[in-house]
């Protein structure tokens, strides 16, 4: 089944890289939506009810990734959507907080297509059987 994915990062370049990496994973993805911060992400979630996965940075203006994660997990409409953190955060405190809030996992920047695919294994169906 094809999935809709939401990529959230304040860097347009990182969003484009993540889109390319997602396409390279071979995962079954119908469309990829973008948001530049947590507030834009919430708007996308409201306007695109088919989103089944969120990849988000932690450090962003307006609403950061941890605040977005908390909003998604506290919503009766979105609490089932897996959220994977994509971050430069080296400290375990932010990553630990994300896990406590219900993150499905995290990947540190810089990342490879294989790291993203490995993290998403079991979350999205692959296009081809393994």
N, C-alpha and C. Protein backbone atom coordinates (compact mmCIF):
# COMPACT_ATOMS: atom_id res chain seq x y z
N UNK A 1 0.84 -1.18 0.00
CA UNK A 1 0.00 0.00 0.00
C UNK A 1 0.88 1.24 0.00
N UNK A 2 0.59 2.18 -0.88
CA UNK A 2 1.35 3.41 -0.95
C UNK A 2 1.03 4.31 0.24
N UNK A 3 2.07 4.98 0.74
CA UNK A 3 1.93 5.84 1.91
C UNK A 3 2.21 7.28 1.56
N UNK A 4 1.59 8.18 2.31
CA UNK A 4 1.90 9.60 2.24
C UNK A 4 2.83 9.91 3.41
N UNK A 5 3.90 10.66 3.13
CA UNK A 5 4.90 10.98 4.14
C UNK A 5 4.99 12.50 4.26
N UNK A 6 5.17 12.98 5.48
CA UNK A 6 5.38 14.40 5.74
C UNK A 6 6.80 14.60 6.23
N UNK A 7 7.57 15.45 5.51
CA UNK A 7 8.94 15.77 5.87
C UNK A 7 8.95 17.18 6.45
N UNK A 8 9.46 17.31 7.69
CA UNK A 8 9.43 18.60 8.39
C UNK A 8 10.85 19.00 8.76
N UNK A 9 11.31 20.11 8.19
CA UNK A 9 12.64 20.64 8.49
C UNK A 9 12.66 22.10 8.07
N UNK A 10 13.33 22.95 8.84
CA UNK A 10 13.38 24.36 8.47
C UNK A 10 14.34 24.62 7.31
N UNK A 11 15.11 23.64 6.92
CA UNK A 11 16.01 23.77 5.77
C UNK A 11 15.36 23.13 4.54
N UNK A 12 15.11 23.96 3.51
CA UNK A 12 14.54 23.44 2.27
C UNK A 12 15.48 22.41 1.64
N UNK A 13 16.79 22.64 1.77
CA UNK A 13 17.76 21.69 1.21
C UNK A 13 17.64 20.32 1.86
N UNK A 14 17.51 20.28 3.18
CA UNK A 14 17.37 19.00 3.89
C UNK A 14 16.06 18.33 3.49
N UNK A 15 14.98 19.11 3.34
CA UNK A 15 13.71 18.51 2.91
C UNK A 15 13.86 17.85 1.55
N UNK A 16 14.55 18.51 0.62
CA UNK A 16 14.76 17.94 -0.72
C UNK A 16 15.63 16.68 -0.64
N UNK A 17 16.68 16.71 0.18
CA UNK A 17 17.54 15.55 0.34
C UNK A 17 16.73 14.38 0.91
N UNK A 18 15.91 14.65 1.92
CA UNK A 18 15.09 13.59 2.51
C UNK A 18 14.11 13.02 1.50
N UNK A 19 13.53 13.87 0.67
CA UNK A 19 12.62 13.37 -0.36
C UNK A 19 13.36 12.43 -1.31
N UNK A 20 14.54 12.83 -1.74
CA UNK A 20 15.33 11.99 -2.65
C UNK A 20 15.70 10.67 -1.97
N UNK A 21 16.12 10.76 -0.72
CA UNK A 21 16.50 9.55 0.03
C UNK A 21 15.29 8.63 0.19
N UNK A 22 14.13 9.19 0.50
CA UNK A 22 12.92 8.37 0.65
C UNK A 22 12.61 7.63 -0.65
N UNK A 23 12.75 8.32 -1.77
CA UNK A 23 12.50 7.67 -3.07
C UNK A 23 13.52 6.55 -3.32
N UNK A 24 14.76 6.74 -2.85
CA UNK A 24 15.81 5.74 -3.06
C UNK A 24 15.64 4.50 -2.18
N UNK A 25 14.86 4.60 -1.13
CA UNK A 25 14.72 3.46 -0.22
C UNK A 25 13.93 2.32 -0.83
N UNK A 26 13.14 2.60 -1.87
CA UNK A 26 12.30 1.56 -2.45
C UNK A 26 11.02 1.34 -1.66
N UNK A 27 10.78 2.18 -0.66
CA UNK A 27 9.55 2.07 0.11
C UNK A 27 8.36 2.47 -0.77
N UNK A 28 7.21 1.99 -0.43
CA UNK A 28 6.00 2.25 -1.20
C UNK A 28 5.41 3.60 -0.79
N UNK A 29 5.82 4.66 -1.48
CA UNK A 29 5.42 6.02 -1.12
C UNK A 29 4.62 6.63 -2.26
N UNK A 30 3.43 7.10 -1.94
CA UNK A 30 2.57 7.75 -2.94
C UNK A 30 2.96 9.21 -3.11
N UNK A 31 3.04 9.95 -2.00
CA UNK A 31 3.40 11.36 -2.09
C UNK A 31 4.14 11.79 -0.83
N UNK A 32 4.97 12.82 -1.02
CA UNK A 32 5.75 13.38 0.08
C UNK A 32 5.35 14.84 0.23
N UNK A 33 4.89 15.19 1.41
CA UNK A 33 4.50 16.57 1.72
C UNK A 33 5.62 17.21 2.53
N UNK A 34 5.68 18.54 2.50
CA UNK A 34 6.74 19.27 3.19
C UNK A 34 6.18 20.30 4.14
N UNK A 35 6.95 20.58 5.20
CA UNK A 35 6.64 21.68 6.12
C UNK A 35 7.96 22.21 6.65
N UNK A 36 8.01 23.54 6.89
CA UNK A 36 9.23 24.18 7.35
C UNK A 36 9.36 24.29 8.85
N UNK A 37 8.29 23.96 9.57
CA UNK A 37 8.32 23.96 11.04
C UNK A 37 7.10 23.19 11.55
N UNK A 38 7.02 23.05 12.86
CA UNK A 38 5.94 22.28 13.45
C UNK A 38 4.55 22.82 13.18
N UNK A 39 4.41 24.14 13.15
CA UNK A 39 3.10 24.73 12.87
C UNK A 39 2.64 24.39 11.46
N UNK A 40 3.56 24.52 10.49
CA UNK A 40 3.21 24.14 9.11
C UNK A 40 2.88 22.66 9.03
N UNK A 41 3.58 21.85 9.80
CA UNK A 41 3.33 20.40 9.81
C UNK A 41 1.93 20.10 10.30
N UNK A 42 1.49 20.78 11.34
CA UNK A 42 0.13 20.56 11.85
C UNK A 42 -0.90 20.95 10.79
N UNK A 43 -0.64 22.03 10.05
CA UNK A 43 -1.54 22.42 8.96
C UNK A 43 -1.58 21.32 7.89
N UNK A 44 -0.42 20.78 7.54
CA UNK A 44 -0.37 19.68 6.56
C UNK A 44 -1.17 18.48 7.05
N UNK A 45 -1.01 18.14 8.32
CA UNK A 45 -1.74 17.00 8.88
C UNK A 45 -3.25 17.25 8.83
N UNK A 46 -3.67 18.48 9.07
CA UNK A 46 -5.10 18.82 8.99
C UNK A 46 -5.60 18.74 7.54
N UNK A 47 -4.77 19.20 6.60
CA UNK A 47 -5.20 19.30 5.20
C UNK A 47 -4.95 18.04 4.37
N UNK A 48 -4.09 17.15 4.86
CA UNK A 48 -3.74 15.92 4.13
C UNK A 48 -4.01 14.71 5.04
N UNK A 49 -5.25 14.29 5.15
CA UNK A 49 -5.58 13.23 6.10
C UNK A 49 -4.95 11.87 5.81
N UNK A 50 -4.31 11.70 4.63
CA UNK A 50 -3.70 10.42 4.29
C UNK A 50 -2.27 10.25 4.78
N UNK A 51 -1.72 11.24 5.47
CA UNK A 51 -0.33 11.13 5.92
C UNK A 51 -0.20 9.99 6.93
N UNK A 52 0.77 9.10 6.66
CA UNK A 52 0.95 7.91 7.50
C UNK A 52 2.31 7.84 8.17
N UNK A 53 3.16 8.85 7.93
CA UNK A 53 4.49 8.88 8.54
C UNK A 53 4.98 10.32 8.55
N UNK A 54 5.61 10.72 9.67
CA UNK A 54 6.21 12.05 9.78
C UNK A 54 7.69 11.88 10.08
N UNK A 55 8.54 12.54 9.27
CA UNK A 55 9.96 12.64 9.55
C UNK A 55 10.21 14.09 9.91
N UNK A 56 10.72 14.35 11.11
CA UNK A 56 10.88 15.74 11.53
C UNK A 56 12.22 16.01 12.19
N UNK A 57 12.73 17.21 11.92
CA UNK A 57 13.89 17.73 12.61
C UNK A 57 13.45 18.07 14.04
N UNK A 58 14.41 18.19 14.95
CA UNK A 58 14.07 18.64 16.30
C UNK A 58 14.16 20.15 16.39
N UNK A 59 15.28 20.73 15.95
CA UNK A 59 15.50 22.17 16.10
C UNK A 59 14.93 22.94 14.93
N UNK A 60 13.80 23.65 15.19
CA UNK A 60 13.14 24.47 14.17
C UNK A 60 12.52 25.68 14.85
N UNK A 61 12.32 26.77 14.10
CA UNK A 61 11.65 27.94 14.67
C UNK A 61 10.15 27.70 14.85
N UNK A 62 9.50 28.59 15.54
CA UNK A 62 8.04 28.60 15.77
C UNK A 62 7.59 27.43 16.63
N UNK A 63 7.70 26.21 16.11
CA UNK A 63 7.35 25.00 16.86
C UNK A 63 8.39 23.95 16.51
N UNK A 64 9.13 23.49 17.52
CA UNK A 64 10.19 22.51 17.23
C UNK A 64 9.62 21.10 17.10
N UNK A 65 10.50 20.17 16.77
CA UNK A 65 10.07 18.80 16.52
C UNK A 65 9.51 18.10 17.75
N UNK A 66 10.04 18.43 18.93
CA UNK A 66 9.50 17.82 20.15
C UNK A 66 8.08 18.31 20.43
N UNK A 67 7.85 19.59 20.19
CA UNK A 67 6.49 20.13 20.37
C UNK A 67 5.54 19.53 19.34
N UNK A 68 6.02 19.37 18.11
CA UNK A 68 5.21 18.73 17.08
C UNK A 68 4.89 17.29 17.47
N UNK A 69 5.89 16.56 17.91
CA UNK A 69 5.70 15.18 18.34
C UNK A 69 4.65 15.09 19.45
N UNK A 70 4.75 15.97 20.43
CA UNK A 70 3.78 15.98 21.53
C UNK A 70 2.37 16.26 21.01
N UNK A 71 2.25 17.19 20.07
CA UNK A 71 0.93 17.52 19.50
C UNK A 71 0.36 16.34 18.73
N UNK A 72 1.20 15.66 17.94
CA UNK A 72 0.73 14.51 17.17
C UNK A 72 0.29 13.39 18.10
N UNK A 73 1.10 13.09 19.10
CA UNK A 73 0.80 11.96 19.99
C UNK A 73 -0.37 12.24 20.93
N UNK A 74 -0.69 13.52 21.17
CA UNK A 74 -1.82 13.84 22.05
C UNK A 74 -3.12 14.01 21.27
N UNK A 75 -3.05 13.92 19.94
CA UNK A 75 -4.25 14.09 19.11
C UNK A 75 -4.94 12.75 18.86
N UNK A 76 -6.25 12.73 19.04
CA UNK A 76 -6.98 11.49 18.77
C UNK A 76 -6.98 11.15 17.29
N UNK A 77 -6.79 12.16 16.43
CA UNK A 77 -6.76 11.93 14.98
C UNK A 77 -5.41 11.43 14.49
N UNK A 78 -4.33 11.80 15.17
CA UNK A 78 -2.99 11.54 14.64
C UNK A 78 -2.12 10.67 15.52
N UNK A 79 -2.55 10.29 16.72
CA UNK A 79 -1.67 9.60 17.67
C UNK A 79 -1.08 8.30 17.10
N UNK A 80 -1.75 7.70 16.10
CA UNK A 80 -1.28 6.44 15.51
C UNK A 80 -0.18 6.64 14.46
N UNK A 81 0.07 7.89 14.04
CA UNK A 81 1.05 8.17 12.99
C UNK A 81 2.46 8.08 13.57
N UNK A 82 3.31 7.23 13.02
CA UNK A 82 4.69 7.15 13.51
C UNK A 82 5.45 8.43 13.17
N UNK A 83 6.24 8.89 14.15
CA UNK A 83 7.06 10.08 13.97
C UNK A 83 8.51 9.68 14.19
N UNK A 84 9.35 9.91 13.17
CA UNK A 84 10.77 9.62 13.26
C UNK A 84 11.52 10.95 13.29
N UNK A 85 12.39 11.10 14.27
CA UNK A 85 13.16 12.33 14.43
C UNK A 85 14.43 12.24 13.58
N UNK A 86 14.69 13.31 12.81
CA UNK A 86 15.91 13.42 12.02
C UNK A 86 16.65 14.62 12.61
N UNK A 87 17.81 14.40 13.21
CA UNK A 87 18.39 15.47 14.00
C UNK A 87 19.91 15.52 14.01
N UNK A 88 20.43 16.69 14.29
CA UNK A 88 21.86 16.87 14.52
C UNK A 88 22.16 16.77 16.01
N UNK A 89 21.13 16.65 16.82
CA UNK A 89 21.30 16.59 18.27
C UNK A 89 22.21 15.44 18.67
N UNK A 90 23.31 15.76 19.29
CA UNK A 90 24.21 14.73 19.76
C UNK A 90 23.88 14.30 21.18
N UNK A 91 23.25 15.20 21.93
CA UNK A 91 22.93 14.92 23.32
C UNK A 91 21.80 13.92 23.45
N UNK A 92 21.93 13.08 24.43
CA UNK A 92 20.92 12.05 24.66
C UNK A 92 19.64 12.62 25.28
N UNK A 93 19.70 13.82 25.87
CA UNK A 93 18.53 14.35 26.55
C UNK A 93 17.38 14.62 25.59
N UNK A 94 17.65 15.27 24.44
CA UNK A 94 16.57 15.55 23.48
C UNK A 94 16.07 14.26 22.84
N UNK A 95 16.99 13.37 22.50
CA UNK A 95 16.60 12.10 21.90
C UNK A 95 15.78 11.29 22.91
N UNK A 96 16.22 11.27 24.16
CA UNK A 96 15.48 10.57 25.21
C UNK A 96 14.10 11.16 25.40
N UNK A 97 14.01 12.48 25.35
CA UNK A 97 12.70 13.13 25.47
C UNK A 97 11.80 12.74 24.31
N UNK A 98 12.36 12.67 23.11
CA UNK A 98 11.57 12.28 21.93
C UNK A 98 11.04 10.86 22.09
N UNK A 99 11.87 9.96 22.59
CA UNK A 99 11.44 8.58 22.80
C UNK A 99 10.32 8.52 23.84
N UNK A 100 10.48 9.27 24.93
CA UNK A 100 9.44 9.32 25.97
C UNK A 100 8.12 9.85 25.43
N UNK A 101 8.21 10.81 24.50
CA UNK A 101 7.00 11.39 23.91
C UNK A 101 6.34 10.47 22.89
N UNK A 102 7.05 9.40 22.50
CA UNK A 102 6.43 8.43 21.59
C UNK A 102 7.03 8.38 20.20
N UNK A 103 8.23 8.94 20.00
CA UNK A 103 8.86 8.87 18.69
C UNK A 103 9.09 7.40 18.30
N UNK A 104 8.90 7.11 17.02
CA UNK A 104 9.11 5.75 16.52
C UNK A 104 10.60 5.45 16.36
N UNK A 105 11.43 6.49 16.44
CA UNK A 105 12.87 6.32 16.32
C UNK A 105 13.51 7.63 15.93
N UNK A 106 14.82 7.58 15.70
CA UNK A 106 15.53 8.78 15.27
C UNK A 106 16.72 8.40 14.41
N UNK A 107 17.11 9.34 13.55
CA UNK A 107 18.28 9.20 12.70
C UNK A 107 19.07 10.49 12.84
N UNK A 108 20.38 10.35 13.03
CA UNK A 108 21.22 11.53 13.15
C UNK A 108 21.69 12.01 11.78
N UNK A 109 21.73 13.35 11.61
CA UNK A 109 22.32 13.95 10.42
C UNK A 109 23.83 13.94 10.60
N UNK A 110 24.61 13.77 9.56
CA UNK A 110 24.20 13.40 8.20
C UNK A 110 23.77 11.94 8.15
N UNK A 111 22.88 11.62 7.25
CA UNK A 111 22.33 10.27 7.15
C UNK A 111 22.51 9.74 5.74
N UNK A 112 22.34 8.43 5.60
CA UNK A 112 22.38 7.80 4.28
C UNK A 112 21.01 7.21 3.98
N UNK A 113 20.80 6.88 2.72
CA UNK A 113 19.55 6.23 2.32
C UNK A 113 19.37 4.92 3.08
N UNK A 114 20.47 4.18 3.27
CA UNK A 114 20.38 2.91 4.00
C UNK A 114 19.95 3.12 5.45
N UNK A 115 20.45 4.17 6.10
CA UNK A 115 20.06 4.43 7.49
C UNK A 115 18.57 4.77 7.57
N UNK A 116 18.08 5.56 6.62
CA UNK A 116 16.66 5.90 6.61
C UNK A 116 15.83 4.64 6.35
N UNK A 117 16.24 3.85 5.38
CA UNK A 117 15.51 2.62 5.05
C UNK A 117 15.47 1.67 6.25
N UNK A 118 16.61 1.52 6.91
CA UNK A 118 16.68 0.65 8.09
C UNK A 118 15.73 1.12 9.18
N UNK A 119 15.70 2.44 9.41
CA UNK A 119 14.84 2.98 10.47
C UNK A 119 13.36 2.81 10.11
N UNK A 120 13.05 2.91 8.82
CA UNK A 120 11.64 2.83 8.40
C UNK A 120 11.16 1.41 8.16
N UNK A 121 12.09 0.44 8.18
CA UNK A 121 11.70 -0.95 7.97
C UNK A 121 10.64 -1.34 9.00
N UNK A 122 9.57 -1.89 8.52
CA UNK A 122 8.48 -2.28 9.41
C UNK A 122 7.46 -1.18 9.63
N UNK A 123 7.83 0.07 9.29
CA UNK A 123 6.87 1.17 9.43
C UNK A 123 6.08 1.32 8.14
N UNK A 124 6.81 1.31 7.00
CA UNK A 124 6.18 1.36 5.69
C UNK A 124 6.47 0.06 4.95
N UNK A 125 5.56 -0.34 4.12
CA UNK A 125 5.74 -1.55 3.32
C UNK A 125 6.74 -1.29 2.21
N UNK A 126 7.69 -2.18 1.96
CA UNK A 126 8.58 -2.01 0.82
C UNK A 126 7.83 -2.25 -0.48
N UNK A 127 8.30 -1.62 -1.55
CA UNK A 127 7.69 -1.80 -2.87
C UNK A 127 7.87 -3.24 -3.33
N UNK A 128 9.07 -3.76 -3.14
CA UNK A 128 9.35 -5.13 -3.55
C UNK A 128 9.52 -6.02 -2.34
N UNK A 129 9.07 -7.27 -2.41
CA UNK A 129 9.29 -8.16 -1.28
C UNK A 129 10.78 -8.39 -1.05
N UNK A 130 11.14 -8.53 0.18
CA UNK A 130 12.55 -8.71 0.55
C UNK A 130 12.88 -10.19 0.59
